[in-house]
Structure formats: C-alpha cells, structure tokens
Amino acid sequence: MKTDSKIYVAGHRGLVGSAIVRNLKEKGYTNIIGRSHSELDLMNQQDVRSFLKKEKPEYVFQAAAKVGGIGANSSYPADFIYENMEMQNNLIKAAHDFKVTKLLFLGSSCIYPKNCPQPIKEEYLLSGYLEPTNEGYAIAKIAGLKMCQFYKKQYGDNFISCMPTNLYGSNDNYDLNNSHVMPALIRKFHEAKVNNESVVEIWGTGKPLREFLYVDDMADACVYLMENYDGEEHVNVGTGKELTIGELAEMVKRVVGFTGELMFNGEKPDGTKRKLLDVSKLEGTGWKYKVEIEDGVRMEYEWFRENYK
C-alpha cells in the first residue's frame, strides 16, 4: 500500500476496525474511508455493490462482523451464521467484481475443532468437530476464509485471511449479556467496586485456558499482513501465551481494585477447555505482539472509566 492508497475499513467503529484505522493513521496512511451501519448496510447486496463501484477502494479490511460471547452465541446461532455470511459474501464478491487490489478477511480462532491438538496450527482447520456453543459464528468465518482462498485460486484475487485469538481493548462491548469474557469481567468488577458489593459471580468453573491479544497489536498485525503477506493459507494471530479464566479474573480484580470475593458458577458453560494458537508462522515473517496482558488490562480499564456510561 502507498500512503495515499484508498483504504476501506469495514466495521471502522468496532473494536478491531477502529484499531486498524488508528494504526493506519499512525503509519501515515491518509486516504482511509469508513461507513457506519446507517450509511451502509453490509447485509444489503445492492448497497455494497453500489458503494464499491462508486468509491473504488484499492484495499479492503473486512473487520465488520456480528460478534458476541458464549451467551450470545449460544442463544442466537441463526443470527450469527446468517448475518456474518451475508456481510462477508456481499463484500468479498463485490471486491472481486470491482477489482479491489487486496482484501484482508478477519476470522476467529473459534474456527478450529473443539478438541484439536494444542497449540493450534493453521492446518488443523476442518480436522474435527466444532465447539457447539459458537458453531454458527465459526461456520460463517470458515466460509469467509474459504471464499477468499477460492477467489484467489480460481480468479487470482489477492484476498487473504487472518485468524485472531481472543481480543480485548478500547472500544470493546461491555453488555453483560452479549460481551466477551474480558469486557464482561471489567464491567462486573468495576460495578461491584462502585456499589461496594462483596461478591462477583464468574461464569463457569474458571478452569478453561485462554489466550488474549490486545486489539492494537491485532491491528498492527493486520496492517503488517496487508503490506507483506500474499499467501493462500490463513494466518493465526496471537501471543502464544495462555492463562486460565480464573487467573484472568484475579488479574482484572487486582487492576480494578475490587476487594471482595469471586464465586465461580459451574452451572454456566465453560466452552472449549483450551484454545491456544500456534503463531510461529506469523512470527517467522518478522511480526510479534508487544502488549503483555496485565498492561493491556490496565489500558482497557482506563479507557472504560473514561468512556463507558
């Protein structure tokens, strides 16, 4: 990409998209465009085609998605598979038809089988059964990365995909019914501290292992891949480090300053027991994460206190 190349970031107001915009601006890119949902409905095929035909972006970051935590994924699987497939199908096909120079599709580590070997290599995709609690979302993301591969194979389009681990950071979703574990914990502990509560309930047993990547590191990896990677295979993006949900809860409790007790509710689902990405492929190209998790939690909590109402 050149600094004046026209770059469209789909989902530019979301967690990942807003971080990509920040990263692009920091690197000197000056011609970045985005559209809010009210300005452009990515589920409307004709609107997407009209937008790309008129604006003619050279590069596209597909960071728009319907996302949520284990509760939302379990409750609304039809919505997750339908809405995500509609958005990505419309955008990828239009990017082909209107000759976008390069497109980066963002997936998720939930695309991998529930019980595949750890750490998870890219080639483990489609080697076993998915985790039932987020199967709808995972199937949509698998379809997206395969669509990019097939357009590259059949037509030569430079469409690439990356699969991030669990993300967190500024601009996150803190809805307790639909959010991921990190923002949910931050809000729970903050409100418990403000309200002088003595106990915070944590979903599940606290035993599952998870890997977390600060969203600005993820954005940096996306821009790096757009600048440097043209391969057909998707690329894992993460830290290669993990901790239990219980350890994460203790960390967030410490950062927030909550002094009460934790209560793990084993009647709530744990999800996949372990999900650690093998990031040797990406690190082998020269990219590596920068933000350690406790530093990232501090930054997210600072953003939360300043911005969340």
Protein backbone atom coordinates (compact mmCIF):
# COMPACT_ATOMS: atom_id res chain seq x y z
CA MET A 1 0.00 0.00 0.00
CA LYS A 2 1.05 3.56 -0.66
CA THR A 3 0.31 6.25 1.91
CA ASP A 4 -2.32 7.77 -0.39
CA SER A 5 -3.90 4.44 -1.44
CA LYS A 6 -7.67 4.41 -0.91
CA ILE A 7 -8.39 2.06 2.00
CA TYR A 8 -11.83 0.96 3.13
CA VAL A 9 -12.13 -0.39 6.69
CA ALA A 10 -15.42 -2.25 7.07
CA GLY A 11 -16.54 -2.04 10.68
CA HIS A 12 -14.40 1.03 11.36
CA ARG A 13 -16.28 1.88 14.57
CA GLY A 14 -15.92 -1.56 16.14
CA LEU A 15 -13.24 -2.97 18.40
CA VAL A 16 -10.95 -4.21 15.62
CA GLY A 17 -11.89 -1.77 12.87
CA SER A 18 -11.30 1.33 14.97
CA ALA A 19 -7.90 -0.04 15.99
CA ILE A 20 -7.00 -0.67 12.34
CA VAL A 21 -7.91 2.92 11.50
CA ARG A 22 -5.71 4.17 14.37
CA ASN A 23 -2.81 2.02 13.19
CA LEU A 24 -3.11 3.12 9.57
CA LYS A 25 -3.11 6.78 10.59
CA GLU A 26 -0.09 6.26 12.84
CA LYS A 27 1.75 4.71 9.88
CA GLY A 28 0.98 7.73 7.68
CA TYR A 29 -1.90 6.45 5.55
CA THR A 30 -4.10 9.39 4.63
CA ASN A 31 -6.91 8.10 2.42
CA ILE A 32 -8.98 5.93 4.78
CA ILE A 33 -12.74 5.61 4.36
CA GLY A 34 -15.41 4.02 6.54
CA ARG A 35 -19.18 3.89 6.66
CA SER A 36 -21.44 3.48 9.67
CA HIS A 37 -24.25 0.93 9.60
CA SER A 38 -26.78 3.70 8.96
CA GLU A 39 -24.73 4.86 5.96
CA LEU A 40 -24.06 1.40 4.51
CA ASP A 41 -25.82 -1.85 5.40
CA LEU A 42 -23.33 -4.60 4.53
CA MET A 43 -26.20 -7.11 4.51
CA ASN A 44 -27.71 -5.30 1.54
CA GLN A 45 -26.01 -6.67 -1.56
CA GLN A 46 -27.01 -3.83 -3.88
CA ASP A 47 -25.86 -1.16 -1.42
CA VAL A 48 -22.48 -2.85 -1.05
CA ARG A 49 -22.02 -3.13 -4.80
CA SER A 50 -23.03 0.49 -5.36
CA PHE A 51 -20.62 1.63 -2.65
CA LEU A 52 -17.59 -0.23 -4.04
CA LYS A 53 -18.43 0.74 -7.61
CA LYS A 54 -18.61 4.42 -6.66
CA GLU A 55 -15.75 4.67 -4.14
CA LYS A 56 -13.33 2.20 -5.81
CA PRO A 57 -11.19 1.40 -2.75
CA GLU A 58 -7.87 -0.25 -3.57
CA TYR A 59 -7.57 -2.08 -0.26
CA VAL A 60 -10.29 -3.50 1.99
CA PHE A 61 -10.07 -4.62 5.61
CA GLN A 62 -13.14 -6.78 6.34
CA ALA A 63 -13.41 -6.18 10.10
CA ALA A 64 -17.20 -5.93 10.19
CA ALA A 65 -18.96 -8.80 11.95
CA LYS A 66 -21.72 -9.72 14.35
CA VAL A 67 -19.77 -10.82 17.44
CA GLY A 68 -20.55 -11.83 21.00
CA GLY A 69 -19.58 -14.00 23.93
CA ILE A 70 -20.63 -17.52 24.82
CA GLY A 71 -24.09 -16.44 25.97
CA ALA A 72 -24.95 -14.58 22.79
CA ASN A 73 -23.52 -17.28 20.52
CA SER A 74 -25.49 -19.98 22.32
CA SER A 75 -28.74 -18.01 22.23
CA TYR A 76 -28.68 -16.62 18.69
CA PRO A 77 -26.82 -19.10 16.42
CA ALA A 78 -29.12 -18.44 13.44
CA ASP A 79 -28.46 -14.70 13.63
CA PHE A 80 -24.70 -15.23 13.91
CA ILE A 81 -24.41 -17.51 10.89
CA TYR A 82 -26.83 -15.56 8.68
CA GLU A 83 -25.69 -12.00 9.37
CA ASN A 84 -21.98 -12.79 9.16
CA MET A 85 -22.31 -14.76 5.94
CA GLU A 86 -24.44 -12.06 4.35
CA MET A 87 -21.93 -9.32 5.15
CA GLN A 88 -18.83 -11.20 4.06
CA ASN A 89 -20.41 -12.71 0.93
CA ASN A 90 -21.56 -9.30 -0.27
CA LEU A 91 -18.22 -7.62 0.40
CA ILE A 92 -15.92 -10.34 -0.94
CA LYS A 93 -17.94 -10.81 -4.15
CA ALA A 94 -18.13 -7.07 -4.77
CA ALA A 95 -14.39 -6.74 -4.08
CA HIS A 96 -13.82 -9.30 -6.84
CA ASP A 97 -16.26 -7.75 -9.27
CA PHE A 98 -14.93 -4.22 -8.84
CA LYS A 99 -11.29 -5.28 -8.84
CA VAL A 100 -10.12 -4.39 -5.34
CA THR A 101 -6.32 -4.74 -5.29
CA LYS A 102 -6.21 -6.62 -1.99
CA LEU A 103 -8.64 -7.67 0.74
CA LEU A 104 -7.95 -8.90 4.27
CA PHE A 105 -10.67 -11.02 5.90
CA LEU A 106 -10.69 -11.32 9.69
CA GLY A 107 -11.86 -14.58 11.17
CA SER A 108 -11.63 -16.01 14.67
CA SER A 109 -9.81 -18.78 16.50
CA CYS A 110 -13.19 -20.43 17.14
CA ILE A 111 -12.98 -21.83 13.59
CA TYR A 112 -10.81 -24.67 14.89
CA PRO A 113 -12.11 -28.01 16.17
CA LYS A 114 -13.06 -28.18 19.84
CA ASN A 115 -10.54 -30.90 20.72
CA CYS A 116 -7.71 -30.34 18.25
CA PRO A 117 -4.04 -30.57 19.36
CA GLN A 118 -2.50 -27.57 21.16
CA PRO A 119 -1.09 -25.15 20.26
CA ILE A 120 -3.36 -24.89 17.21
CA LYS A 121 -1.67 -24.83 13.82
CA GLU A 122 -3.34 -23.38 10.74
CA GLU A 123 -3.56 -26.83 9.13
CA TYR A 124 -5.82 -28.15 11.91
CA LEU A 125 -8.79 -26.38 10.31
CA LEU A 126 -11.67 -28.78 9.47
CA SER A 127 -9.96 -31.70 11.22
CA GLY A 128 -12.73 -32.29 13.79
CA TYR A 129 -16.00 -31.16 15.40
CA LEU A 130 -16.54 -27.52 16.36
CA GLU A 131 -17.42 -26.18 19.81
CA PRO A 132 -21.27 -26.29 19.85
CA THR A 133 -21.72 -23.01 21.75
CA ASN A 134 -20.31 -20.90 18.88
CA GLU A 135 -20.78 -23.22 15.91
CA GLY A 136 -22.90 -20.76 13.91
CA TYR A 137 -20.31 -18.00 14.09
CA ALA A 138 -17.45 -20.41 13.43
CA ILE A 139 -19.06 -21.86 10.30
CA ALA A 140 -19.62 -18.36 8.93
CA LYS A 141 -15.97 -17.47 9.49
CA ILE A 142 -14.76 -20.72 7.93
CA ALA A 143 -16.90 -19.94 4.89
CA GLY A 144 -15.35 -16.48 4.67
CA LEU A 145 -11.75 -17.64 4.72
CA LYS A 146 -12.53 -20.42 2.23
CA MET A 147 -14.25 -17.91 -0.03
CA CYS A 148 -11.07 -15.80 -0.02
CA GLN A 149 -8.97 -18.89 -0.81
CA PHE A 150 -11.26 -19.94 -3.64
CA TYR A 151 -11.35 -16.49 -5.25
CA LYS A 152 -7.56 -16.47 -5.10
CA LYS A 153 -7.38 -19.98 -6.58
CA GLN A 154 -9.99 -19.51 -9.32
CA TYR A 155 -9.52 -15.86 -10.26
CA GLY A 156 -6.15 -14.85 -8.82
CA ASP A 157 -7.65 -12.26 -6.45
CA ASN A 158 -5.25 -11.18 -3.72
CA PHE A 159 -7.64 -11.98 -0.86
CA ILE A 160 -6.00 -13.09 2.40
CA SER A 161 -7.29 -14.09 5.83
CA CYS A 162 -6.07 -13.94 9.40
CA MET A 163 -7.45 -15.66 12.49
CA PRO A 164 -7.01 -13.71 15.73
CA THR A 165 -7.18 -15.17 19.20
CA ASN A 166 -9.43 -13.58 21.88
CA LEU A 167 -9.22 -9.80 21.52
CA TYR A 168 -9.68 -7.02 24.05
CA GLY A 169 -9.02 -3.30 24.33
CA SER A 170 -10.53 0.15 23.95
CA ASN A 171 -13.91 0.41 22.19
CA ASP A 172 -14.98 -3.03 23.42
CA ASN A 173 -18.59 -4.16 24.02
CA TYR A 174 -19.46 -4.18 27.74
CA ASP A 175 -23.00 -5.54 27.52
CA LEU A 176 -23.11 -8.27 30.19
CA ASN A 177 -25.48 -10.42 28.10
CA ASN A 178 -23.57 -10.29 24.81
CA SER A 179 -19.94 -9.39 25.52
CA HIS A 180 -16.78 -11.48 25.61
CA VAL A 181 -15.17 -12.52 28.87
CA MET A 182 -12.64 -9.68 29.27
CA PRO A 183 -15.02 -6.70 28.97
CA ALA A 184 -17.65 -8.56 31.00
CA LEU A 185 -15.17 -9.04 33.84
CA ILE A 186 -14.04 -5.41 33.72
CA ARG A 187 -17.61 -4.14 33.95
CA LYS A 188 -18.60 -6.65 36.66
CA PHE A 189 -15.65 -5.80 38.89
CA HIS A 190 -15.98 -2.07 38.31
CA GLU A 191 -19.68 -2.02 39.20
CA ALA A 192 -19.11 -4.27 42.21
CA LYS A 193 -16.40 -1.89 43.42
CA VAL A 194 -18.56 1.22 42.91
CA ASN A 195 -21.56 -0.42 44.61
CA ASN A 196 -19.50 -1.86 47.49
CA GLU A 197 -20.59 -5.41 46.70
CA SER A 198 -18.87 -8.30 48.43
CA VAL A 199 -19.04 -11.00 45.71
CA VAL A 200 -18.68 -11.15 41.91
CA GLU A 201 -20.07 -14.15 40.01
CA ILE A 202 -17.92 -15.59 37.21
CA TRP A 203 -19.48 -17.81 34.55
CA GLY A 204 -18.15 -21.38 34.51
CA THR A 205 -15.53 -23.13 36.59
CA GLY A 206 -12.65 -20.75 35.87
CA LYS A 207 -10.55 -23.66 34.60
CA PRO A 208 -10.57 -23.19 30.80
CA LEU A 209 -7.35 -21.81 29.33
CA ARG A 210 -7.47 -18.80 27.03
CA GLU A 211 -5.07 -16.63 25.05
CA PHE A 212 -5.66 -12.86 24.79
CA LEU A 213 -4.30 -10.29 22.35
CA TYR A 214 -4.55 -6.53 22.81
CA VAL A 215 -6.54 -5.07 19.93
CA ASP A 216 -3.89 -2.54 18.91
CA ASP A 217 -1.45 -5.42 18.46
CA MET A 218 -4.07 -7.16 16.33
CA ALA A 219 -4.50 -4.04 14.21
CA ASP A 220 -0.74 -3.79 13.75
CA ALA A 221 -0.66 -7.42 12.58
CA CYS A 222 -3.49 -6.75 10.10
CA VAL A 223 -1.69 -3.81 8.52
CA TYR A 224 1.56 -5.81 8.53
CA LEU A 225 -0.10 -8.70 6.69
CA MET A 226 -1.74 -6.35 4.19
CA GLU A 227 1.69 -4.88 3.47
CA ASN A 228 3.72 -8.11 3.49
CA TYR A 229 1.66 -11.31 3.03
CA ASP A 230 0.07 -12.72 -0.12
CA GLY A 231 -0.26 -16.42 0.74
CA GLU A 232 -3.32 -18.59 0.18
CA GLU A 233 -3.37 -20.07 3.69
CA HIS A 234 -4.88 -18.09 6.55
CA VAL A 235 -2.56 -16.86 9.32
CA ASN A 236 -3.00 -17.20 13.08
CA VAL A 237 -2.55 -14.01 15.11
CA GLY A 238 -1.92 -14.20 18.84
CA THR A 239 0.65 -14.16 21.62
CA GLY A 240 1.33 -17.87 22.06
CA LYS A 241 0.67 -17.43 25.81
CA GLU A 242 -2.32 -18.55 27.88
CA LEU A 243 -3.88 -18.32 31.33
CA THR A 244 -6.99 -19.75 33.00
CA ILE A 245 -10.23 -17.78 33.23
CA GLY A 246 -9.74 -17.91 36.99
CA GLU A 247 -6.30 -16.32 36.69
CA LEU A 248 -7.73 -13.70 34.35
CA ALA A 249 -10.49 -12.90 36.84
CA GLU A 250 -7.93 -12.43 39.62
CA MET A 251 -5.89 -10.14 37.35
CA VAL A 252 -8.89 -7.98 36.44
CA LYS A 253 -9.94 -7.87 40.10
CA ARG A 254 -6.46 -6.61 41.02
CA VAL A 255 -6.34 -3.98 38.25
CA VAL A 256 -9.84 -2.67 39.03
CA GLY A 257 -9.20 -2.65 42.77
CA PHE A 258 -12.14 -4.83 43.82
CA THR A 259 -11.53 -6.29 47.30
CA GLY A 260 -14.41 -8.79 47.57
CA GLU A 261 -14.66 -12.46 46.71
CA LEU A 262 -15.08 -14.44 43.48
CA MET A 263 -17.82 -17.01 43.01
CA PHE A 264 -17.50 -19.38 40.06
CA ASN A 265 -20.85 -20.62 38.73
CA GLY A 266 -20.18 -24.09 37.39
CA GLU A 267 -23.74 -24.35 36.07
CA LYS A 268 -22.83 -21.85 33.34
CA PRO A 269 -20.97 -23.17 30.26
CA ASP A 270 -17.17 -23.18 30.12
CA GLY A 271 -16.88 -23.51 26.36
CA THR A 272 -13.72 -25.02 24.88
CA LYS A 273 -11.30 -26.19 27.58
CA ARG A 274 -8.21 -24.85 25.86
CA LYS A 275 -7.62 -22.68 22.79
CA LEU A 276 -4.00 -21.63 22.22
CA LEU A 277 -2.85 -20.60 18.77
CA ASP A 278 0.44 -21.63 17.22
CA VAL A 279 1.74 -18.27 15.99
CA SER A 280 5.09 -19.49 14.64
CA LYS A 281 4.04 -18.82 11.03
CA LEU A 282 3.39 -15.12 11.64
CA GLU A 283 6.39 -14.69 13.94
CA GLY A 284 8.52 -16.37 11.28
CA THR A 285 7.72 -13.49 8.92
CA GLY A 286 9.00 -10.95 11.46
CA TRP A 287 5.91 -9.80 13.38
CA LYS A 288 5.43 -10.27 17.14
CA TYR A 289 2.97 -8.84 19.68
CA LYS A 290 4.08 -6.05 22.04
CA VAL A 291 1.48 -5.60 24.83
CA GLU A 292 1.59 -8.02 27.77
CA ILE A 293 -1.83 -8.91 29.15
CA GLU A 294 -1.72 -7.12 32.52
CA ASP A 295 -0.58 -3.91 30.81
CA GLY A 296 -3.39 -4.35 28.30
CA VAL A 297 -5.98 -4.87 31.04
CA ARG A 298 -4.82 -1.65 32.71
CA MET A 299 -5.17 0.26 29.43
CA GLU A 300 -8.63 -1.17 28.75
CA TYR A 301 -9.83 -0.36 32.27
CA GLU A 302 -8.53 3.19 31.92
CA TRP A 303 -10.44 3.54 28.65
CA PHE A 304 -13.55 2.04 30.25
CA ARG A 305 -13.53 4.50 33.15
CA GLU A 306 -13.12 7.46 30.80
CA ASN A 307 -15.64 6.45 28.14
CA TYR A 308 -18.25 3.98 29.38
CA LYS A 309 -21.56 5.15 30.79
